[in-house]
Amino acid sequence: MNDAVLTINTPTNSGSILKLDLVNLKKASLVLRSVNHKLRQQILKLIDEHGKMTVTEIYVKLRLEQSVASQHLAILRKAGFVKTDRDGKFIYYSVNTNRLEELDKFVKDLIS
């Protein structure tokens, strides 16, 4: 048995088998969890209001430790919800609105 695939027999009238890729399911779960966090939502809103921001600007505005802001930005970046742009020694974060629109469409399709 492959632990990365969940195989489900569909009703006998169709005679087909449904295979769920559990690795991709876990990745999708992490993407959803990344944005379903109050602080990360605040970070996204703050960046959106300013267009682009450095980690320093973010942690000062939100009164966070630098390491906390960096950890949450890394999660958002890995999930694709923020983009980075380097300008010399500064890294600017901006909201990836295309990715958020994709998520919005996915969630609407999922719950409807």
N, C-alpha and C. Protein backbone atom coordinates (compact mmCIF):
# COMPACT_ATOMS: atom_id res chain seq x y z
N MET A 1 0.84 -1.19 0.00
CA MET A 1 0.00 0.00 0.00
C MET A 1 0.88 1.25 0.00
N ASN A 2 0.57 2.19 -0.88
CA ASN A 2 1.31 3.44 -0.97
C ASN A 2 0.72 4.43 0.03
N ASP A 3 1.53 4.87 1.01
CA ASP A 3 1.05 5.80 2.04
C ASP A 3 0.79 7.19 1.49
N ALA A 4 1.27 7.49 0.30
CA ALA A 4 1.09 8.82 -0.27
C ALA A 4 -0.18 8.93 -1.10
N VAL A 5 -0.92 7.82 -1.23
CA VAL A 5 -2.14 7.82 -2.03
C VAL A 5 -3.25 7.15 -1.24
N LEU A 6 -4.39 7.81 -1.18
CA LEU A 6 -5.58 7.23 -0.57
C LEU A 6 -6.49 6.79 -1.71
N THR A 7 -6.76 5.49 -1.77
CA THR A 7 -7.58 4.94 -2.84
C THR A 7 -8.97 4.65 -2.29
N ILE A 8 -9.98 5.18 -2.98
CA ILE A 8 -11.37 5.02 -2.58
C ILE A 8 -12.15 4.44 -3.74
N ASN A 9 -12.91 3.40 -3.47
CA ASN A 9 -13.78 2.84 -4.50
C ASN A 9 -15.04 3.71 -4.58
N THR A 10 -15.35 4.16 -5.78
CA THR A 10 -16.57 4.95 -5.97
C THR A 10 -17.75 4.00 -6.08
N PRO A 11 -18.96 4.53 -6.05
CA PRO A 11 -20.14 3.65 -6.13
C PRO A 11 -20.04 2.66 -7.29
N THR A 12 -20.57 1.47 -7.07
CA THR A 12 -20.41 0.37 -8.02
C THR A 12 -20.96 0.67 -9.40
N ASN A 13 -21.94 1.57 -9.52
CA ASN A 13 -22.48 1.85 -10.86
C ASN A 13 -21.48 2.54 -11.77
N SER A 14 -20.52 3.27 -11.19
CA SER A 14 -19.51 3.91 -12.04
C SER A 14 -18.29 3.00 -12.22
N GLY A 15 -18.05 2.14 -11.23
CA GLY A 15 -16.96 1.19 -11.33
C GLY A 15 -15.57 1.81 -11.37
N SER A 16 -15.42 3.05 -10.92
CA SER A 16 -14.10 3.67 -10.98
C SER A 16 -13.49 3.79 -9.58
N ILE A 17 -12.23 4.13 -9.57
CA ILE A 17 -11.49 4.27 -8.32
C ILE A 17 -10.98 5.71 -8.24
N LEU A 18 -11.13 6.31 -7.08
CA LEU A 18 -10.63 7.66 -6.84
C LEU A 18 -9.34 7.55 -6.05
N LYS A 19 -8.29 8.22 -6.55
CA LYS A 19 -7.01 8.21 -5.85
C LYS A 19 -6.67 9.65 -5.45
N LEU A 20 -6.54 9.85 -4.15
CA LEU A 20 -6.17 11.17 -3.62
C LEU A 20 -4.69 11.19 -3.32
N ASP A 21 -3.99 12.16 -3.87
CA ASP A 21 -2.56 12.33 -3.62
C ASP A 21 -2.41 13.04 -2.27
N LEU A 22 -2.03 12.30 -1.24
CA LEU A 22 -1.96 12.85 0.10
C LEU A 22 -0.83 13.85 0.28
N VAL A 23 0.21 13.74 -0.50
CA VAL A 23 1.30 14.72 -0.43
C VAL A 23 0.79 16.08 -0.89
N ASN A 24 0.09 16.10 -2.03
CA ASN A 24 -0.46 17.36 -2.52
C ASN A 24 -1.57 17.88 -1.61
N LEU A 25 -2.33 16.99 -1.03
CA LEU A 25 -3.37 17.39 -0.09
C LEU A 25 -2.75 18.09 1.12
N LYS A 26 -1.64 17.55 1.61
CA LYS A 26 -0.94 18.17 2.75
C LYS A 26 -0.38 19.54 2.36
N LYS A 27 0.18 19.64 1.15
CA LYS A 27 0.70 20.93 0.68
C LYS A 27 -0.42 21.96 0.59
N ALA A 28 -1.59 21.55 0.07
CA ALA A 28 -2.73 22.45 -0.04
C ALA A 28 -3.19 22.90 1.35
N SER A 29 -3.16 21.99 2.29
CA SER A 29 -3.54 22.32 3.66
C SER A 29 -2.61 23.38 4.25
N LEU A 30 -1.31 23.23 3.98
CA LEU A 30 -0.34 24.21 4.49
C LEU A 30 -0.56 25.59 3.86
N VAL A 31 -0.93 25.62 2.58
CA VAL A 31 -1.22 26.90 1.92
C VAL A 31 -2.41 27.57 2.59
N LEU A 32 -3.47 26.80 2.82
CA LEU A 32 -4.65 27.36 3.48
C LEU A 32 -4.32 27.82 4.91
N ARG A 33 -3.56 27.00 5.63
CA ARG A 33 -3.20 27.37 7.00
C ARG A 33 -2.33 28.63 7.05
N SER A 34 -1.53 28.83 6.01
CA SER A 34 -0.63 29.99 6.02
C SER A 34 -1.39 31.31 6.05
N VAL A 35 -2.52 31.35 5.41
CA VAL A 35 -3.29 32.60 5.37
C VAL A 35 -4.39 32.62 6.45
N ASN A 36 -4.65 31.48 7.06
CA ASN A 36 -5.66 31.40 8.11
C ASN A 36 -5.01 31.61 9.48
N HIS A 37 -4.36 32.75 9.62
CA HIS A 37 -3.66 33.10 10.86
C HIS A 37 -3.78 34.60 11.02
N LYS A 38 -4.25 35.03 12.19
CA LYS A 38 -4.56 36.45 12.42
C LYS A 38 -3.36 37.37 12.15
N LEU A 39 -2.20 37.03 12.67
CA LEU A 39 -1.03 37.88 12.47
C LEU A 39 -0.62 37.94 11.00
N ARG A 40 -0.66 36.81 10.31
CA ARG A 40 -0.30 36.82 8.89
C ARG A 40 -1.31 37.62 8.08
N GLN A 41 -2.57 37.58 8.49
CA GLN A 41 -3.59 38.41 7.84
C GLN A 41 -3.28 39.89 8.07
N GLN A 42 -2.85 40.24 9.26
CA GLN A 42 -2.47 41.63 9.56
C GLN A 42 -1.27 42.05 8.72
N ILE A 43 -0.31 41.15 8.58
CA ILE A 43 0.88 41.45 7.78
C ILE A 43 0.48 41.69 6.33
N LEU A 44 -0.37 40.82 5.78
CA LEU A 44 -0.82 41.00 4.39
C LEU A 44 -1.55 42.33 4.21
N LYS A 45 -2.42 42.66 5.16
CA LYS A 45 -3.18 43.92 5.07
C LYS A 45 -2.23 45.12 5.13
N LEU A 46 -1.27 45.08 6.05
CA LEU A 46 -0.31 46.17 6.20
C LEU A 46 0.51 46.36 4.92
N ILE A 47 1.02 45.26 4.38
CA ILE A 47 1.81 45.36 3.14
C ILE A 47 0.94 45.91 2.02
N ASP A 48 -0.29 45.42 1.93
CA ASP A 48 -1.20 45.89 0.88
C ASP A 48 -1.44 47.40 0.99
N GLU A 49 -1.61 47.88 2.21
CA GLU A 49 -1.86 49.31 2.42
C GLU A 49 -0.67 50.17 2.00
N HIS A 50 0.54 49.62 2.13
CA HIS A 50 1.75 50.39 1.82
C HIS A 50 2.34 50.05 0.44
N GLY A 51 1.83 49.03 -0.20
CA GLY A 51 2.36 48.65 -1.51
C GLY A 51 3.53 47.69 -1.42
N LYS A 52 4.55 48.11 -0.71
CA LYS A 52 5.70 47.25 -0.44
C LYS A 52 6.36 47.72 0.84
N MET A 53 6.96 46.77 1.57
CA MET A 53 7.58 47.08 2.85
C MET A 53 8.76 46.16 3.12
N THR A 54 9.68 46.63 3.92
CA THR A 54 10.78 45.79 4.39
C THR A 54 10.34 45.10 5.68
N VAL A 55 11.07 44.07 6.06
CA VAL A 55 10.75 43.38 7.30
C VAL A 55 10.87 44.33 8.49
N THR A 56 11.81 45.25 8.43
CA THR A 56 11.98 46.22 9.52
C THR A 56 10.75 47.09 9.65
N GLU A 57 10.25 47.61 8.53
CA GLU A 57 9.04 48.44 8.57
C GLU A 57 7.86 47.65 9.13
N ILE A 58 7.78 46.39 8.77
CA ILE A 58 6.66 45.54 9.22
C ILE A 58 6.73 45.30 10.72
N TYR A 59 7.90 44.89 11.22
CA TYR A 59 7.94 44.57 12.65
C TYR A 59 7.83 45.82 13.51
N VAL A 60 8.29 46.97 13.03
CA VAL A 60 8.13 48.20 13.80
C VAL A 60 6.65 48.59 13.86
N LYS A 61 5.97 48.57 12.72
CA LYS A 61 4.55 48.95 12.66
C LYS A 61 3.68 48.02 13.51
N LEU A 62 3.98 46.73 13.50
CA LEU A 62 3.15 45.77 14.22
C LEU A 62 3.67 45.48 15.63
N ARG A 63 4.78 46.12 16.00
CA ARG A 63 5.37 45.96 17.34
C ARG A 63 5.68 44.49 17.64
N LEU A 64 6.42 43.89 16.71
CA LEU A 64 6.81 42.49 16.83
C LEU A 64 8.31 42.39 16.99
N GLU A 65 8.76 41.23 17.41
CA GLU A 65 10.18 40.92 17.35
C GLU A 65 10.52 40.68 15.88
N GLN A 66 11.73 41.04 15.49
CA GLN A 66 12.15 40.86 14.10
C GLN A 66 12.04 39.40 13.68
N SER A 67 12.44 38.50 14.56
CA SER A 67 12.41 37.07 14.21
C SER A 67 10.98 36.58 13.97
N VAL A 68 10.03 37.09 14.73
CA VAL A 68 8.62 36.70 14.56
C VAL A 68 8.12 37.16 13.20
N ALA A 69 8.38 38.42 12.87
CA ALA A 69 7.96 38.94 11.57
C ALA A 69 8.60 38.15 10.44
N SER A 70 9.87 37.86 10.56
CA SER A 70 10.58 37.11 9.52
C SER A 70 10.01 35.70 9.35
N GLN A 71 9.70 35.04 10.45
CA GLN A 71 9.14 33.69 10.38
C GLN A 71 7.79 33.70 9.66
N HIS A 72 6.94 34.65 9.98
CA HIS A 72 5.63 34.72 9.35
C HIS A 72 5.73 35.12 7.88
N LEU A 73 6.65 36.01 7.56
CA LEU A 73 6.87 36.37 6.16
C LEU A 73 7.38 35.18 5.36
N ALA A 74 8.22 34.36 5.97
CA ALA A 74 8.73 33.17 5.29
C ALA A 74 7.59 32.20 4.97
N ILE A 75 6.66 32.06 5.89
CA ILE A 75 5.50 31.19 5.64
C ILE A 75 4.66 31.74 4.50
N LEU A 76 4.40 33.04 4.51
CA LEU A 76 3.62 33.67 3.45
C LEU A 76 4.34 33.59 2.11
N ARG A 77 5.65 33.74 2.13
CA ARG A 77 6.43 33.66 0.89
C ARG A 77 6.42 32.24 0.34
N LYS A 78 6.60 31.26 1.20
CA LYS A 78 6.60 29.87 0.76
C LYS A 78 5.25 29.48 0.15
N ALA A 79 4.17 30.02 0.69
CA ALA A 79 2.83 29.74 0.17
C ALA A 79 2.51 30.59 -1.06
N GLY A 80 3.37 31.55 -1.37
CA GLY A 80 3.19 32.36 -2.57
C GLY A 80 2.34 33.60 -2.40
N PHE A 81 2.01 33.97 -1.16
CA PHE A 81 1.13 35.11 -0.93
C PHE A 81 1.87 36.45 -0.86
N VAL A 82 3.18 36.40 -0.68
CA VAL A 82 3.98 37.62 -0.79
C VAL A 82 5.12 37.38 -1.76
N LYS A 83 5.50 38.44 -2.44
CA LYS A 83 6.64 38.41 -3.37
C LYS A 83 7.75 39.26 -2.76
N THR A 84 8.97 38.97 -3.16
CA THR A 84 10.10 39.77 -2.69
C THR A 84 10.79 40.43 -3.86
N ASP A 85 11.37 41.59 -3.57
CA ASP A 85 12.13 42.34 -4.56
C ASP A 85 13.32 42.95 -3.84
N ARG A 86 14.51 42.62 -4.30
CA ARG A 86 15.72 43.14 -3.66
C ARG A 86 16.13 44.46 -4.30
N ASP A 87 16.44 45.43 -3.44
CA ASP A 87 16.97 46.72 -3.88
C ASP A 87 18.19 47.01 -3.02
N GLY A 88 19.37 46.66 -3.54
CA GLY A 88 20.59 46.79 -2.75
C GLY A 88 20.55 45.82 -1.59
N LYS A 89 20.70 46.35 -0.38
CA LYS A 89 20.68 45.48 0.80
C LYS A 89 19.28 45.28 1.36
N PHE A 90 18.29 45.93 0.76
CA PHE A 90 16.92 45.84 1.26
C PHE A 90 16.10 44.83 0.45
N ILE A 91 15.26 44.08 1.17
CA ILE A 91 14.31 43.18 0.52
C ILE A 91 12.92 43.74 0.81
N TYR A 92 12.20 44.03 -0.24
CA TYR A 92 10.84 44.56 -0.12
C TYR A 92 9.83 43.45 -0.36
N TYR A 93 8.83 43.42 0.49
CA TYR A 93 7.75 42.45 0.37
C TYR A 93 6.53 43.14 -0.21
N SER A 94 5.85 42.47 -1.12
CA SER A 94 4.60 42.96 -1.67
C SER A 94 3.61 41.80 -1.73
N VAL A 95 2.33 42.14 -1.77
CA VAL A 95 1.29 41.11 -1.79
C VAL A 95 1.15 40.56 -3.21
N ASN A 96 1.09 39.26 -3.31
CA ASN A 96 0.86 38.59 -4.59
C ASN A 96 -0.65 38.45 -4.75
N THR A 97 -1.28 39.48 -5.33
CA THR A 97 -2.73 39.50 -5.45
C THR A 97 -3.25 38.39 -6.36
N ASN A 98 -2.47 38.01 -7.36
CA ASN A 98 -2.90 36.91 -8.23
C ASN A 98 -3.08 35.62 -7.43
N ARG A 99 -2.14 35.36 -6.54
CA ARG A 99 -2.21 34.15 -5.72
C ARG A 99 -3.42 34.20 -4.78
N LEU A 100 -3.69 35.38 -4.21
CA LEU A 100 -4.85 35.51 -3.32
C LEU A 100 -6.15 35.36 -4.10
N GLU A 101 -6.18 35.85 -5.33
CA GLU A 101 -7.37 35.67 -6.17
C GLU A 101 -7.57 34.18 -6.48
N GLU A 102 -6.49 33.46 -6.75
CA GLU A 102 -6.58 32.01 -6.99
C GLU A 102 -7.14 31.31 -5.75
N LEU A 103 -6.65 31.71 -4.58
CA LEU A 103 -7.12 31.11 -3.34
C LEU A 103 -8.60 31.41 -3.13
N ASP A 104 -9.01 32.64 -3.38
CA ASP A 104 -10.40 33.04 -3.22
C ASP A 104 -11.31 32.20 -4.12
N LYS A 105 -10.90 32.02 -5.36
CA LYS A 105 -11.69 31.20 -6.30
C LYS A 105 -11.74 29.75 -5.82
N PHE A 106 -10.62 29.21 -5.39
CA PHE A 106 -10.58 27.84 -4.90
C PHE A 106 -11.52 27.64 -3.72
N VAL A 107 -11.47 28.55 -2.76
CA VAL A 107 -12.30 28.43 -1.58
C VAL A 107 -13.78 28.54 -1.95
N LYS A 108 -14.11 29.45 -2.83
CA LYS A 108 -15.52 29.58 -3.26
C LYS A 108 -15.99 28.31 -3.94
N ASP A 109 -15.14 27.73 -4.79
CA ASP A 109 -15.49 26.47 -5.46
C ASP A 109 -15.63 25.33 -4.44
N LEU A 110 -14.77 25.34 -3.43
CA LEU A 110 -14.77 24.27 -2.44
C LEU A 110 -16.03 24.29 -1.59
N ILE A 111 -16.49 25.46 -1.21
CA ILE A 111 -17.63 25.53 -0.29
C ILE A 111 -18.97 25.60 -1.01
N SER A 112 -18.97 25.76 -2.31
CA SER A 112 -20.26 25.84 -3.02
C SER A 112 -20.72 24.49 -3.54
